[in-house]
Protein backbone atom coordinates (compact mmCIF):
# COMPACT_ATOMS: atom_id res chain seq x y z
CA MET A 1 116.59 -52.15 175.88
CA THR A 2 114.41 -50.47 178.53
CA ARG A 3 112.97 -47.17 177.40
CA ARG A 4 113.68 -44.36 179.92
CA PRO A 5 112.77 -41.03 178.32
CA LEU A 6 112.83 -39.19 181.67
CA ALA A 7 116.11 -40.61 182.93
CA TRP A 8 117.68 -37.14 182.68
CA LEU A 9 115.57 -35.96 185.60
CA GLU A 10 117.70 -37.81 188.15
CA GLU A 11 120.84 -35.92 187.20
CA GLU A 12 119.04 -32.59 187.04
CA LEU A 13 117.52 -33.08 190.49
CA GLN A 14 120.96 -33.94 191.87
CA THR A 15 122.23 -30.68 190.40
CA LEU A 16 119.47 -28.79 192.20
CA ASP A 17 120.53 -30.49 195.44
CA GLN A 18 124.15 -29.44 194.94
CA LEU A 19 123.12 -25.83 194.33
CA HIS A 20 120.82 -25.78 197.39
CA MET A 21 117.96 -24.99 195.00
CA ARG A 22 115.74 -28.08 195.28
CA ARG A 23 112.35 -27.51 196.85
CA HIS A 24 110.18 -29.95 198.80
CA LEU A 25 106.55 -29.89 199.80
CA ARG A 26 105.66 -29.45 203.48
CA THR A 27 102.37 -30.39 205.07
CA HIS A 28 100.84 -28.30 207.82
CA HIS A 29 98.20 -29.52 210.22
CA GLY A 30 95.23 -27.49 211.35
CA PRO A 31 94.22 -24.00 210.26
CA GLN A 32 96.53 -21.36 208.79
CA THR A 33 97.50 -19.35 211.88
CA ALA A 34 100.51 -17.58 213.37
CA GLU A 35 101.46 -20.84 215.10
CA GLN A 36 101.42 -24.00 213.03
CA THR A 37 102.52 -27.61 213.07
CA VAL A 38 104.41 -28.42 209.88
CA ASP A 39 105.62 -31.96 209.21
CA GLY A 40 105.17 -32.73 212.90
CA GLN A 41 107.12 -29.72 214.22
CA GLN A 42 105.51 -26.65 215.76
CA PHE A 43 106.54 -23.25 214.39
CA ILE A 44 105.75 -19.60 214.65
CA ASN A 45 104.87 -18.99 211.03
CA PHE A 46 106.61 -16.05 209.36
CA GLY A 47 106.26 -17.57 205.90
CA GLY A 48 102.61 -17.06 204.97
CA ASN A 49 100.72 -14.23 203.30
CA ASP A 50 97.79 -14.14 205.74
CA TYR A 51 98.55 -10.49 206.43
CA LEU A 52 95.33 -9.61 208.29
CA GLY A 53 94.99 -12.91 210.15
CA LEU A 54 91.75 -13.79 208.35
CA ALA A 55 92.54 -17.24 206.96
CA ALA A 56 91.33 -18.96 210.14
CA ASP A 57 88.78 -16.33 211.20
CA PRO A 58 85.59 -18.21 212.16
CA ARG A 59 83.43 -15.59 210.44
CA LEU A 60 84.77 -16.68 207.07
CA GLY A 61 84.10 -20.33 207.86
CA GLU A 62 80.58 -19.57 209.03
CA ALA A 63 79.84 -17.68 205.81
CA ALA A 64 81.17 -20.57 203.73
CA ILE A 65 79.09 -23.13 205.62
CA ALA A 66 75.93 -21.07 205.18
CA ALA A 67 76.62 -20.79 201.45
CA ILE A 68 77.19 -24.53 201.10
CA GLN A 69 73.78 -25.13 202.65
CA GLN A 70 72.19 -22.78 200.11
CA GLU A 71 74.31 -23.30 196.97
CA GLY A 72 76.17 -26.55 197.52
CA TRP A 73 79.92 -26.91 196.99
CA GLY A 74 81.05 -27.34 193.39
CA SER A 75 80.11 -24.76 190.76
CA GLY A 76 79.86 -27.45 188.09
CA ALA A 77 80.93 -25.44 185.05
CA SER A 78 82.83 -22.42 183.76
CA PRO A 79 81.25 -19.05 184.59
CA LEU A 80 80.01 -18.49 181.04
CA VAL A 81 78.15 -21.81 180.98
CA THR A 82 76.30 -22.43 184.28
CA GLY A 83 79.01 -21.89 186.88
CA HIS A 84 78.38 -18.25 187.85
CA GLY A 85 76.41 -18.33 191.11
CA VAL A 86 74.70 -15.82 193.35
CA SER A 87 77.70 -15.60 195.69
CA HIS A 88 80.03 -15.01 192.75
CA ALA A 89 77.87 -12.14 191.51
CA ALA A 90 77.59 -10.65 195.00
CA LEU A 91 81.37 -10.76 195.51
CA GLU A 92 82.03 -9.12 192.15
CA ALA A 93 79.61 -6.33 193.04
CA ALA A 94 81.24 -5.91 196.46
CA LEU A 95 84.75 -5.77 194.97
CA ALA A 96 83.68 -3.13 192.45
CA GLU A 97 82.10 -1.10 195.25
CA LEU A 98 85.17 -1.46 197.48
CA GLU A 99 87.53 -0.42 194.68
CA GLY A 100 85.28 2.34 193.36
CA THR A 101 84.99 0.92 189.83
CA GLU A 102 82.11 0.09 187.51
CA ALA A 103 82.62 -3.66 187.60
CA ALA A 104 84.77 -6.59 188.72
CA LEU A 105 85.51 -10.09 187.47
CA LEU A 106 86.52 -13.15 189.49
CA PHE A 107 89.26 -15.55 188.37
CA SER A 108 90.25 -18.95 189.76
CA SER A 109 93.55 -17.51 191.07
CA GLY A 110 95.65 -14.37 191.04
CA PHE A 111 97.97 -16.13 188.59
CA ALA A 112 95.03 -16.76 186.25
CA ALA A 113 93.91 -13.14 186.60
CA ASN A 114 97.31 -11.78 185.53
CA VAL A 115 97.86 -14.19 182.66
CA GLY A 116 94.27 -13.90 181.43
CA THR A 117 94.17 -10.11 181.57
CA ILE A 118 97.51 -9.47 179.86
CA THR A 119 96.89 -12.00 177.07
CA ALA A 120 93.37 -10.66 176.48
CA LEU A 121 94.52 -7.05 176.15
CA ALA A 122 97.94 -7.18 174.45
CA GLY A 123 98.89 -8.98 171.26
CA LYS A 124 100.90 -8.97 168.07
CA GLY A 125 101.89 -5.44 167.09
CA ASP A 126 101.84 -4.22 170.71
CA VAL A 127 104.62 -3.68 173.24
CA VAL A 128 104.53 -4.46 176.97
CA PHE A 129 106.91 -2.78 179.43
CA SER A 130 107.38 -4.96 182.51
CA ASP A 131 109.34 -4.34 185.73
CA ALA A 132 112.29 -6.74 186.05
CA LYS A 133 111.00 -8.03 189.39
CA ASN A 134 107.37 -8.57 188.47
CA HIS A 135 105.67 -11.75 189.68
CA ALA A 136 105.94 -14.90 187.58
CA SER A 137 102.28 -14.64 186.58
CA ILE A 138 102.92 -11.23 185.00
CA ILE A 139 106.06 -12.54 183.30
CA ASP A 140 104.16 -15.49 181.86
CA GLY A 141 101.32 -13.28 180.69
CA VAL A 142 103.80 -11.03 178.88
CA ARG A 143 105.50 -14.03 177.28
CA LEU A 144 102.23 -15.58 176.11
CA CYS A 145 100.42 -12.52 174.80
CA GLY A 146 102.42 -12.19 171.56
CA ALA A 147 103.39 -8.54 172.12
CA ARG A 148 106.99 -7.34 172.15
CA PRO A 149 108.31 -7.65 175.74
CA GLN A 150 110.47 -4.82 177.08
CA ILE A 151 111.90 -5.33 180.57
CA TYR A 152 112.85 -2.21 182.50
CA GLN A 153 115.16 -2.20 185.52
CA HIS A 154 113.41 -2.56 188.85
CA LEU A 155 111.65 0.70 189.82
CA ASP A 156 113.77 2.60 187.27
CA VAL A 157 111.46 5.21 185.74
CA ASP A 158 114.27 6.76 183.67
CA HIS A 159 115.06 3.42 182.06
CA LEU A 160 111.37 2.85 181.35
CA GLU A 161 111.03 6.26 179.71
CA LYS A 162 114.02 5.59 177.45
CA LEU A 163 112.34 2.38 176.28
CA ILE A 164 108.84 3.77 175.88
CA ALA A 165 110.05 6.88 174.03
CA GLN A 166 111.32 4.56 171.29
CA ALA A 167 108.04 2.63 170.98
CA SER A 168 105.87 4.99 168.93
CA ALA A 169 105.65 2.51 166.04
CA PHE A 170 103.75 -0.08 168.05
CA ARG A 171 99.97 -0.37 167.81
CA ARG A 172 99.42 -0.18 171.59
CA ARG A 173 101.72 0.32 174.59
CA TYR A 174 101.23 -1.30 178.00
CA ILE A 175 103.05 -0.80 181.30
CA VAL A 176 102.55 -3.62 183.80
CA THR A 177 103.83 -3.81 187.37
CA ASP A 178 103.22 -5.17 190.81
CA THR A 179 102.31 -2.37 193.21
CA LEU A 180 103.96 -4.10 196.19
CA PHE A 181 106.74 -6.48 195.22
CA SER A 182 106.41 -9.82 196.97
CA MET A 183 110.09 -10.48 197.71
CA ASP A 184 111.62 -7.00 198.16
CA GLY A 185 108.58 -5.57 199.94
CA ASP A 186 108.90 -2.24 198.12
CA PHE A 187 106.44 -0.07 196.16
CA ALA A 188 106.27 0.60 192.45
CA PRO A 189 106.68 4.32 191.62
CA LEU A 190 103.01 4.57 190.64
CA VAL A 191 102.81 8.36 190.52
CA ASP A 192 105.62 8.47 187.95
CA LEU A 193 104.22 5.48 186.04
CA CYS A 194 100.83 7.18 185.75
CA GLU A 195 102.52 10.30 184.40
CA LEU A 196 104.47 8.27 181.83
CA ALA A 197 101.38 6.34 180.78
CA ASP A 198 99.54 9.60 180.21
CA ARG A 199 102.40 11.24 178.33
CA TYR A 200 103.05 8.28 176.01
CA ASP A 201 99.43 7.11 175.61
CA ALA A 202 100.08 3.78 177.36
CA THR A 203 97.72 1.54 179.32
CA LEU A 204 98.82 0.99 182.93
CA ILE A 205 98.08 -2.45 184.41
CA VAL A 206 98.90 -3.08 188.09
CA ASP A 207 98.73 -6.10 190.37
CA GLU A 208 97.75 -5.26 193.96
CA ALA A 209 98.10 -8.87 195.15
CA HIS A 210 100.16 -8.16 198.28
CA ALA A 211 98.60 -4.76 198.98
CA THR A 212 94.83 -5.34 198.86
CA GLY A 213 93.41 -5.02 202.36
CA VAL A 214 96.70 -3.71 203.79
CA PHE A 215 97.37 -0.28 202.29
CA GLY A 216 95.17 2.76 201.80
CA GLU A 217 92.70 4.38 204.14
CA GLN A 218 89.99 1.94 203.05
CA GLY A 219 92.34 -0.98 202.36
CA HIS A 220 92.14 -0.77 198.57
CA GLY A 221 95.91 -1.09 198.13
CA VAL A 222 98.92 0.95 197.06
CA CYS A 223 96.96 2.79 194.36
CA GLU A 224 94.76 4.27 197.08
CA HIS A 225 97.76 4.79 199.38
CA LEU A 226 99.52 6.88 196.70
CA GLY A 227 96.35 8.58 195.45
CA VAL A 228 96.36 7.26 191.87
CA GLU A 229 93.30 5.00 191.74
CA GLU A 230 91.58 7.10 189.09
CA GLN A 231 94.70 7.15 186.89
CA VAL A 232 95.34 3.39 186.78
CA ASP A 233 93.54 1.69 183.90
CA VAL A 234 93.48 -1.94 185.07
CA ARG A 235 93.75 -3.16 188.66
CA ILE A 236 94.30 -6.83 189.43
CA GLY A 237 94.20 -8.41 192.88
CA THR A 238 94.02 -11.65 194.78
CA LEU A 239 91.74 -13.04 197.46
CA SER A 240 94.38 -15.45 198.77
CA LYS A 241 96.60 -13.17 200.82
CA ALA A 242 95.28 -10.45 203.17
CA LEU A 243 91.70 -11.57 202.53
CA GLY A 244 92.50 -15.10 203.66
CA GLY A 245 90.77 -16.96 200.85
CA HIS A 246 91.30 -18.15 197.29
CA GLY A 247 91.01 -16.67 193.82
CA GLY A 248 91.86 -13.52 191.90
CA PHE A 249 89.97 -10.56 190.48
CA VAL A 250 90.13 -7.62 188.10
CA VAL A 251 88.36 -4.31 188.66
CA GLY A 252 87.79 -1.52 186.15
CA GLY A 253 85.32 -0.12 183.66
CA GLN A 254 82.38 -2.18 182.45
CA GLN A 255 83.78 -2.45 178.92
CA LEU A 256 87.07 -3.82 180.27
CA ILE A 257 85.24 -6.48 182.27
CA ASP A 258 83.00 -7.36 179.31
CA TRP A 259 86.08 -7.81 177.12
CA LEU A 260 87.85 -10.01 179.68
CA LEU A 261 84.91 -12.33 180.22
CA ASN A 262 84.86 -12.85 176.45
CA ARG A 263 88.60 -13.05 175.76
CA ALA A 264 90.56 -14.00 178.90
CA ARG A 265 91.21 -17.69 178.28
CA SER A 266 92.06 -18.45 181.92
CA TYR A 267 88.54 -17.20 182.75
CA VAL A 268 86.56 -18.60 179.84
CA PHE A 269 88.03 -22.09 180.07
CA SER A 270 88.25 -22.55 183.86
CA THR A 271 85.56 -24.00 186.09
CA ALA A 272 84.24 -21.34 188.43
CA ALA A 273 85.45 -21.53 192.04
CA PRO A 274 83.04 -22.93 194.65
CA MET A 275 80.33 -20.45 195.57
CA ALA A 276 81.17 -20.91 199.24
CA ALA A 277 84.65 -19.46 198.64
CA SER A 278 83.04 -16.25 197.38
CA ALA A 279 80.71 -16.12 200.36
CA ALA A 280 83.71 -16.33 202.68
CA MET A 281 85.37 -13.47 200.80
CA LEU A 282 82.29 -11.32 201.23
CA ALA A 283 82.75 -11.78 204.97
CA ALA A 284 86.44 -10.89 204.65
CA LEU A 285 85.66 -7.67 202.79
CA GLN A 286 83.29 -6.67 205.57
CA ILE A 287 86.03 -7.21 208.15
CA VAL A 288 88.43 -5.07 206.07
CA ARG A 289 85.82 -2.28 206.16
CA ASP A 290 84.92 -2.66 209.83
CA GLU A 291 88.34 -3.32 211.39
CA PRO A 292 90.95 -0.92 209.95
CA GLU A 293 92.99 -1.43 213.12
CA ARG A 294 94.18 -4.74 211.69
CA ARG A 295 96.16 -3.12 208.87
CA GLN A 296 97.18 -0.17 211.03
CA LEU A 297 98.71 -2.37 213.73
CA LEU A 298 100.30 -4.68 211.16
CA LEU A 299 102.17 -1.84 209.47
CA LYS A 300 103.17 -0.24 212.77
CA ARG A 301 104.73 -3.52 213.92
CA ALA A 302 106.44 -4.00 210.56
CA ASP A 303 108.11 -0.58 210.82
CA ALA A 304 109.30 -1.35 214.35
CA LEU A 305 110.67 -4.78 213.38
CA ARG A 306 112.52 -3.38 210.38
CA GLU A 307 114.20 -0.76 212.59
CA THR A 308 115.20 -3.38 215.18
CA LEU A 309 116.77 -5.61 212.54
CA ARG A 310 118.74 -2.73 211.06
CA LYS A 311 120.13 -1.92 214.50
CA GLN A 312 121.22 -5.56 214.78
CA GLY A 313 123.26 -5.05 211.61
CA TRP A 314 121.14 -6.90 209.07
CA GLN A 315 120.76 -5.60 205.52
CA VAL A 316 117.00 -5.16 205.50
CA GLY A 317 114.78 -3.99 202.65
CA GLY A 318 111.15 -3.14 202.09
CA GLU A 319 108.63 -0.60 203.29
CA SER A 320 105.72 -2.91 204.02
CA GLN A 321 104.64 -6.00 205.97
CA ILE A 322 107.12 -7.97 203.81
CA ILE A 323 110.61 -7.66 205.32
CA PRO A 324 113.52 -9.19 203.36
CA ILE A 325 116.88 -9.87 205.00
CA LEU A 326 119.38 -9.88 202.14
CA LEU A 327 122.05 -12.60 202.31
CA GLY A 328 123.10 -13.01 198.67
CA GLU A 329 123.73 -16.69 197.98
CA PRO A 330 121.46 -19.75 198.33
CA GLU A 331 123.69 -21.80 200.68
CA PRO A 332 124.02 -19.32 203.58
CA THR A 333 120.40 -18.29 203.09
CA MET A 334 119.12 -21.83 203.49
CA GLN A 335 121.48 -22.49 206.40
CA ALA A 336 120.11 -19.42 208.18
CA SER A 337 116.54 -20.55 207.49
CA HIS A 338 117.30 -24.02 208.89
CA ARG A 339 118.88 -22.56 212.06
CA LEU A 340 115.76 -20.51 212.68
CA ARG A 341 113.60 -23.55 212.02
CA ASP A 342 115.52 -25.46 214.69
CA GLN A 343 114.32 -22.78 217.13
CA GLY A 344 110.70 -23.10 216.09
CA LEU A 345 110.66 -20.14 213.69
CA PHE A 346 109.54 -20.68 210.11
CA VAL A 347 111.27 -17.97 208.05
CA PRO A 348 111.63 -19.21 204.45
CA GLY A 349 114.82 -18.82 202.50
CA ILE A 350 114.13 -17.44 199.03
CA ARG A 351 116.46 -18.45 196.19
CA PRO A 352 116.51 -18.21 192.39
CA PRO A 353 114.35 -18.38 190.36
CA SER A 354 112.09 -16.60 192.88
CA VAL A 355 114.73 -13.86 193.12
CA PRO A 356 117.61 -12.93 190.78
CA SER A 357 120.96 -14.64 191.14
CA GLY A 358 122.97 -13.10 193.99
CA GLU A 359 119.87 -11.80 195.78
CA SER A 360 118.85 -14.75 197.96
CA LEU A 361 117.12 -13.65 201.15
CA LEU A 362 115.16 -14.53 204.23
CA ARG A 363 111.58 -13.36 203.75
CA ILE A 364 109.78 -12.33 206.92
CA SER A 365 106.07 -12.03 206.29
CA LEU A 366 104.19 -10.35 209.12
CA SER A 367 100.58 -10.95 210.05
CA TYR A 368 98.14 -9.12 212.31
CA ALA A 369 97.95 -12.48 214.13
CA HIS A 370 101.58 -12.26 215.29
CA THR A 371 101.85 -11.25 218.94
CA PRO A 372 104.58 -9.19 220.65
CA ALA A 373 105.86 -12.47 222.12
CA HIS A 374 106.20 -13.94 218.61
CA LEU A 375 108.18 -10.92 217.46
CA ASP A 376 110.40 -10.95 220.56
CA LYS A 377 111.33 -14.57 219.91
CA LEU A 378 112.12 -13.76 216.29
CA THR A 379 114.33 -10.74 217.04
CA THR A 380 116.19 -12.62 219.80
CA ALA A 381 116.91 -15.53 217.45
CA LEU A 382 118.02 -13.22 214.66
CA ALA A 383 120.34 -11.30 217.01
CA THR A 384 122.02 -14.58 217.96
CA LEU A 385 122.21 -15.68 214.33
CA ARG A 386 123.78 -12.36 213.39
CA GLN A 387 126.55 -12.85 215.95
CA GLN A 388 127.19 -16.37 214.66
CA LEU A 389 127.62 -15.09 211.11
CA LEU A 390 130.12 -12.34 212.04
């Protein structure tokens, strides 16, 4: 008898197909820009997170090439062994300066930064309060840390307070949230969360992944935008979205960073990223400082697009460069995405588990690189699609 221990996968994959929930890899050709060729078809790309149009900026490439000539490519080891290079140290110093903190620490990804930070800080005897729509990396960190997880309804401060008021018996209390939610495009109520953290002696951990470089007068993120930088205990971010690169980071006090580099397993046991990647991010940070018009124009266009779509009759959410069109179920969502793709517009359909059941949506992700012509083509196609769905 032939042994087939993974035979069950065929049936499960067929089930995903029937539910319109199976995902497939696509391959794009050339740099990450507003116009891309994906699997041989040219699209205007409304699916990426290159919010400031930096992913293909030649200044980043030039910085990376110069670093390769000086430091080579591979780092060769974890940071605590021999992998921490000059470019890594310079980027950490620049991030701390940008964010106005004592220190910063680089991780191999934003996912690793969230999981490593939460598991290093919280443990058995603690409780972690997590927004219901937090990113998967926060969810996994909460699950792995050993603390008691308490999930509060999305943005619901009253629900959170009811939970945290009953948590006095725990050793330590943590509140963790995205600042800008990646699917709904809305903000966490950070002012209220800071007040709750202060009142109940809780540590507030936030992930600025989709906000770094985009919000705030200096581009620090939503914490700066809402004026609570000094009140937030731990700030996590990513280099892979508005900054156009790769990796994650944590900024905060020196003791926090010292603890993480000793106890965050996703840091201690990961090979350091190539030094050239950090050199490119130093160039990106300089552009964020020097060219605030990128984020200003991006957000202005996002507000205008959101208003246009509402006038067309779409149910549109968000208050940022992420604009969700809410459709509800996976099948009509994916059909709408495919119709737009047929017209050369890549607008991804988002289904469970990325969003809760019944909340499937089209996710429009705007970039500074999008032109008025790109946006006109999108709104025209969506107006036609809206009429077809009526």
